[in-house]
């Protein structure tokens, strides 16, 4: 009977894993099609049923870096559209409720790193995502807050997107257009290489938008919660976490690096039902 129950749980876990993968593929494909269509629009060959917006117009972080200029002048930073503001507020609302779902489920660059990292997992197995000693890693993770502050300050004072020349997200979807800067290609190349050793290296150490959304983990409504009374201390939740968060030592995960991927929960990794949950109550 126990073996039968384990089999059923394994099937359900796979099904739920496929749901997240489908969502990731959907948004990756959607962004790709929008970028291609934008390029076609410029030559009069656009796809009629698809948005002709540029990549800047569908990036919620564009709204964040435009806040100062919009408040002081009523205008947007060059290349940023009002749609970025709309998306920014939608992502903030989602983050208040569920944390950085954008990072774990929607962001195409995050998904790309995760998929590419599977090669590293095949090569290094248990060593993968454990190369950087914790005594350095715990400090490196705050670099992204410095990146966030620098980008917001520079964009506010200069009035244009200072980051796009180095933006791996923009480069990933525009490398074929000839519009990307060499700096962007270098950064993207480093991220791809680093993904063979570290899961989601950009998300962990440098992503400014991930840094901002990570703050919502301290007060979001739905949290990752662990029930100590049913926990068997197997460490499955820790091993499943792509961001190396020690879930097994927390009653409630408030770590700023959590991306709400849910991989650590009893629906995915934890072998004990109801022990690690995405919920509003319990675990306090």
Protein backbone atom coordinates (compact mmCIF):
# COMPACT_ATOMS: atom_id res chain seq x y z
CA UNK A 1 0.00 0.00 0.00
CA UNK A 2 2.82 2.39 0.88
CA UNK A 3 4.42 1.79 -2.49
CA UNK A 4 1.09 2.46 -4.18
CA UNK A 5 0.68 5.76 -2.30
CA UNK A 6 4.20 6.81 -3.25
CA UNK A 7 3.44 6.07 -6.87
CA UNK A 8 0.27 8.15 -6.79
CA UNK A 9 2.14 11.04 -5.15
CA UNK A 10 4.86 10.77 -7.79
CA UNK A 11 2.29 10.99 -10.59
CA UNK A 12 0.58 14.00 -8.99
CA UNK A 13 3.92 15.72 -8.45
CA UNK A 14 4.82 15.26 -12.11
CA UNK A 15 1.47 16.64 -13.19
CA UNK A 16 1.87 19.76 -11.04
CA UNK A 17 5.42 20.17 -12.30
CA UNK A 18 4.13 20.12 -15.84
CA UNK A 19 1.66 22.89 -15.00
CA UNK A 20 4.46 25.23 -13.96
CA UNK A 21 6.55 24.21 -16.98
CA UNK A 22 3.59 24.93 -19.28
CA UNK A 23 3.17 28.40 -17.75
CA UNK A 24 6.89 29.11 -18.17
CA UNK A 25 6.89 27.95 -21.81
CA UNK A 26 3.74 29.98 -22.51
CA UNK A 27 5.24 33.26 -21.32
CA UNK A 28 8.62 32.57 -22.90
CA UNK A 29 6.93 31.90 -26.24
CA UNK A 30 4.59 34.88 -25.89
CA UNK A 31 7.43 37.31 -25.23
CA UNK A 32 9.40 35.82 -28.12
CA UNK A 33 6.47 36.24 -30.51
CA UNK A 34 5.89 39.83 -29.39
CA UNK A 35 9.55 40.70 -29.99
CA UNK A 36 9.51 39.08 -33.43
CA UNK A 37 6.25 40.78 -34.29
CA UNK A 38 7.63 44.17 -33.25
CA UNK A 39 10.52 43.68 -35.65
CA UNK A 40 8.10 42.65 -38.42
CA UNK A 41 5.89 45.68 -37.73
CA UNK A 42 8.76 47.99 -38.58
CA UNK A 43 8.89 46.48 -42.07
CA UNK A 44 5.09 46.40 -42.42
CA UNK A 45 4.80 42.63 -42.02
CA UNK A 46 3.43 42.36 -38.51
CA UNK A 47 1.05 39.70 -37.21
CA UNK A 48 -2.35 41.40 -36.93
CA UNK A 49 -3.65 39.50 -33.88
CA UNK A 50 -0.46 39.96 -31.84
CA UNK A 51 0.61 43.03 -29.88
CA UNK A 52 3.12 45.23 -31.68
CA UNK A 53 4.59 46.48 -28.39
CA UNK A 54 8.35 46.45 -27.92
CA UNK A 55 10.09 44.40 -25.24
CA UNK A 56 10.50 47.57 -23.15
CA UNK A 57 6.74 48.13 -23.21
CA UNK A 58 5.96 44.71 -21.74
CA UNK A 59 8.59 44.77 -19.01
CA UNK A 60 7.21 45.66 -15.55
CA UNK A 61 10.64 46.81 -14.37
CA UNK A 62 10.41 49.61 -16.92
CA UNK A 63 7.62 51.07 -14.83
CA UNK A 64 9.78 50.93 -11.70
CA UNK A 65 12.66 52.89 -13.22
CA UNK A 66 10.22 55.44 -14.67
CA UNK A 67 8.49 56.33 -11.39
CA UNK A 68 10.73 59.31 -10.55
CA UNK A 69 10.48 60.93 -13.99
CA UNK A 70 6.73 60.33 -14.18
CA UNK A 71 6.13 61.88 -10.74
CA UNK A 72 8.36 64.90 -11.40
CA UNK A 73 7.57 65.59 -15.07
CA UNK A 74 4.49 63.53 -15.93
CA UNK A 75 6.51 61.77 -18.65
CA UNK A 76 7.97 58.30 -19.07
CA UNK A 77 11.62 57.42 -19.52
CA UNK A 78 12.47 57.09 -23.20
CA UNK A 79 11.38 53.73 -24.69
CA UNK A 80 9.08 53.06 -21.72
CA UNK A 81 5.32 52.91 -22.38
CA UNK A 82 2.40 53.32 -19.97
CA UNK A 83 1.83 49.57 -20.31
CA UNK A 84 4.97 49.07 -18.19
CA UNK A 85 3.25 50.99 -15.39
CA UNK A 86 0.15 48.83 -15.68
CA UNK A 87 2.23 45.64 -15.57
CA UNK A 88 4.25 47.01 -12.66
CA UNK A 89 1.12 47.48 -10.54
CA UNK A 90 -0.25 44.06 -11.53
CA UNK A 91 3.02 42.41 -10.46
CA UNK A 92 3.02 44.36 -7.19
CA UNK A 93 -0.52 43.19 -6.42
CA UNK A 94 0.45 39.59 -7.21
CA UNK A 95 3.54 39.93 -5.02
CA UNK A 96 1.49 41.20 -2.06
CA UNK A 97 -0.67 38.09 -2.33
CA UNK A 98 1.74 35.39 -3.47
CA UNK A 99 5.27 36.75 -3.42
CA UNK A 100 7.56 36.85 -6.49
CA UNK A 101 5.43 34.62 -8.73
CA UNK A 102 6.79 36.64 -11.63
CA UNK A 103 10.28 35.32 -10.89
CA UNK A 104 9.34 31.68 -10.40
CA UNK A 105 6.62 31.28 -13.01
CA UNK A 106 6.64 34.09 -15.58
CA UNK A 107 10.07 35.67 -16.14
CA UNK A 108 11.50 34.29 -19.41
CA UNK A 109 15.10 34.93 -18.37
CA UNK A 110 14.57 33.03 -15.13
CA UNK A 111 13.03 30.12 -17.04
CA UNK A 112 15.87 30.16 -19.56
CA UNK A 113 18.48 29.89 -16.78
CA UNK A 114 16.53 27.08 -15.15
CA UNK A 115 16.26 25.10 -18.37
CA UNK A 116 19.90 25.62 -19.30
CA UNK A 117 20.91 24.66 -15.77
CA UNK A 118 19.57 21.15 -16.35
CA UNK A 119 22.72 20.52 -18.37
CA UNK A 120 24.79 21.45 -15.34
CA UNK A 121 22.72 19.11 -13.16
CA UNK A 122 23.45 16.26 -15.55
CA UNK A 123 27.19 17.00 -15.45
CA UNK A 124 27.77 17.82 -11.78
CA UNK A 125 24.82 16.05 -10.15
CA UNK A 126 24.83 16.77 -6.35
CA UNK A 127 27.62 19.32 -6.66
CA UNK A 128 25.45 21.47 -8.93
CA UNK A 129 24.27 24.66 -7.24
CA UNK A 130 26.66 24.06 -4.33
CA UNK A 131 29.95 25.37 -5.69
CA UNK A 132 30.00 28.72 -3.87
CA UNK A 133 30.73 28.43 -0.12
CA UNK A 134 27.95 29.78 2.07
CA UNK A 135 30.28 32.27 3.79
CA UNK A 136 30.61 34.10 0.46
CA UNK A 137 27.25 33.26 -1.03
CA UNK A 138 25.21 34.87 1.76
CA UNK A 139 26.84 38.23 1.05
CA UNK A 140 26.88 37.96 -2.74
CA UNK A 141 23.07 37.67 -2.69
CA UNK A 142 22.80 41.31 -1.61
CA UNK A 143 24.59 42.55 -4.72
CA UNK A 144 21.28 42.74 -6.51
CA UNK A 145 20.07 45.42 -4.09
CA UNK A 146 23.08 47.51 -5.00
CA UNK A 147 22.21 46.93 -8.64
CA UNK A 148 18.61 47.99 -8.00
CA UNK A 149 19.65 51.21 -6.25
CA UNK A 150 22.23 52.07 -8.92
CA UNK A 151 19.85 51.55 -11.85
CA UNK A 152 17.01 53.53 -10.28
CA UNK A 153 19.36 56.40 -9.35
CA UNK A 154 21.09 56.57 -12.73
CA UNK A 155 17.84 56.33 -14.70
CA UNK A 156 16.25 59.04 -12.53
CA UNK A 157 19.17 61.45 -12.93
CA UNK A 158 19.98 60.80 -16.59
CA UNK A 159 16.41 60.30 -17.84
CA UNK A 160 17.01 57.27 -20.06
CA UNK A 161 17.38 53.51 -19.72
CA UNK A 162 20.98 53.22 -18.57
CA UNK A 163 20.72 49.48 -18.10
CA UNK A 164 19.57 48.25 -21.51
CA UNK A 165 23.13 48.05 -22.88
CA UNK A 166 23.87 45.35 -20.30
CA UNK A 167 20.40 43.85 -19.86
CA UNK A 168 20.56 40.06 -20.42
CA UNK A 169 16.76 39.90 -20.69
CA UNK A 170 16.72 42.37 -23.59
CA UNK A 171 19.75 40.67 -25.16
CA UNK A 172 18.22 37.19 -24.94
CA UNK A 173 15.28 38.19 -27.10
CA UNK A 174 17.05 40.66 -29.41
CA UNK A 175 20.49 39.16 -30.07
CA UNK A 176 19.40 38.33 -33.61
CA UNK A 177 18.33 41.92 -34.46
CA UNK A 178 21.71 43.63 -34.29
CA UNK A 179 20.28 46.15 -31.80
CA UNK A 180 22.04 44.75 -28.75
CA UNK A 181 25.24 46.15 -27.29
CA UNK A 182 28.39 44.09 -26.82
CA UNK A 183 28.00 44.57 -23.07
CA UNK A 184 24.66 42.79 -23.16
CA UNK A 185 26.11 39.87 -25.10
CA UNK A 186 28.96 39.54 -22.61
CA UNK A 187 26.61 39.59 -19.60
CA UNK A 188 24.27 37.04 -21.21
CA UNK A 189 27.22 34.81 -22.08
CA UNK A 190 28.47 34.91 -18.49
CA UNK A 191 25.00 34.05 -17.18
CA UNK A 192 24.67 31.10 -19.56
CA UNK A 193 28.06 29.78 -18.51
CA UNK A 194 27.35 30.37 -14.81
CA UNK A 195 24.03 28.50 -15.14
CA UNK A 196 26.04 25.32 -15.65
CA UNK A 197 27.29 25.64 -12.06
CA UNK A 198 24.68 27.72 -10.22
CA UNK A 199 20.91 27.57 -10.62
CA UNK A 200 19.51 30.95 -11.70
CA UNK A 201 22.73 32.92 -11.12
CA UNK A 202 21.26 36.18 -12.42
CA UNK A 203 18.22 35.83 -10.16
CA UNK A 204 20.37 35.06 -7.11
CA UNK A 205 23.02 37.73 -7.38
CA UNK A 206 22.23 40.56 -9.77
CA UNK A 207 18.58 40.84 -10.85
CA UNK A 208 17.29 44.28 -9.72
CA UNK A 209 13.63 43.43 -10.27
CA UNK A 210 13.97 40.19 -8.34
CA UNK A 211 15.52 42.19 -5.50
CA UNK A 212 12.51 44.48 -5.41
CA UNK A 213 9.95 41.67 -5.53
CA UNK A 214 11.91 39.75 -2.90
CA UNK A 215 11.01 42.41 -0.33
CA UNK A 216 7.37 41.29 -0.58
CA UNK A 217 8.35 37.92 0.94
CA UNK A 218 8.45 39.56 4.36
CA UNK A 219 4.74 40.45 4.39
CA UNK A 220 2.97 38.61 1.56
CA UNK A 221 -0.39 36.99 2.33
CA UNK A 222 0.29 33.44 1.07
CA UNK A 223 3.57 32.10 2.45
CA UNK A 224 5.60 28.92 2.35
CA UNK A 225 4.95 27.38 5.79
CA UNK A 226 6.43 24.29 7.44
CA UNK A 227 4.69 22.26 10.12
CA UNK A 228 7.42 21.16 12.60
CA UNK A 229 5.15 18.56 14.20
CA UNK A 230 4.94 16.49 11.00
CA UNK A 231 8.37 17.33 9.55
CA UNK A 232 10.70 14.30 9.39
CA UNK A 233 13.84 16.42 8.77
CA UNK A 234 14.65 14.63 5.52
CA UNK A 235 15.93 17.78 3.84
CA UNK A 236 13.95 17.18 0.63
CA UNK A 237 12.59 20.74 0.69
CA UNK A 238 16.13 22.17 1.00
CA UNK A 239 17.44 20.10 -1.89
CA UNK A 240 14.48 21.09 -4.08
CA UNK A 241 14.87 24.84 -3.56
CA UNK A 242 16.62 26.43 -6.56
CA UNK A 243 17.60 29.43 -4.43
CA UNK A 244 19.34 27.32 -1.73
CA UNK A 245 16.97 28.43 1.02
CA UNK A 246 17.06 26.20 4.12
CA UNK A 247 13.31 25.61 4.30
CA UNK A 248 13.71 22.82 6.88
CA UNK A 249 14.92 25.31 9.49
CA UNK A 250 12.02 27.75 9.09
CA UNK A 251 8.42 27.74 10.24
CA UNK A 252 7.64 30.45 7.69
CA UNK A 253 9.87 31.22 4.70
CA UNK A 254 10.41 34.98 4.57
CA UNK A 255 13.75 34.83 2.79
CA UNK A 256 14.12 37.63 0.24
CA UNK A 257 15.37 35.10 -2.32
CA UNK A 258 12.22 32.95 -2.42
CA UNK A 259 10.71 32.98 -5.93
CA UNK A 260 7.44 31.18 -5.08
CA UNK A 261 8.22 28.27 -7.40
CA UNK A 262 6.63 25.91 -4.81
CA UNK A 263 9.21 23.19 -5.49
CA UNK A 264 9.78 22.69 -1.76
CA UNK A 265 6.14 22.05 -0.83
CA UNK A 266 4.38 18.79 -0.03
CA UNK A 267 2.78 19.06 -3.47
CA UNK A 268 6.22 18.61 -5.03
CA UNK A 269 9.24 17.63 -2.92
CA UNK A 270 8.21 17.12 0.71
CA UNK A 271 7.19 13.45 1.19
CA UNK A 272 4.81 14.21 4.09
CA UNK A 273 1.40 15.60 3.14
CA UNK A 274 0.54 18.98 4.61
CA UNK A 275 3.99 19.60 6.06
CA UNK A 276 5.32 22.28 3.71
CA UNK A 277 2.44 24.33 2.36
CA UNK A 278 1.65 27.48 0.45
CA UNK A 279 -0.94 28.93 2.82
CA UNK A 280 -2.16 31.90 4.86
CA UNK A 281 -2.49 30.10 8.19
CA UNK A 282 -0.32 27.82 10.28
CA UNK A 283 3.39 27.66 10.88
CA UNK A 284 3.70 30.98 12.72
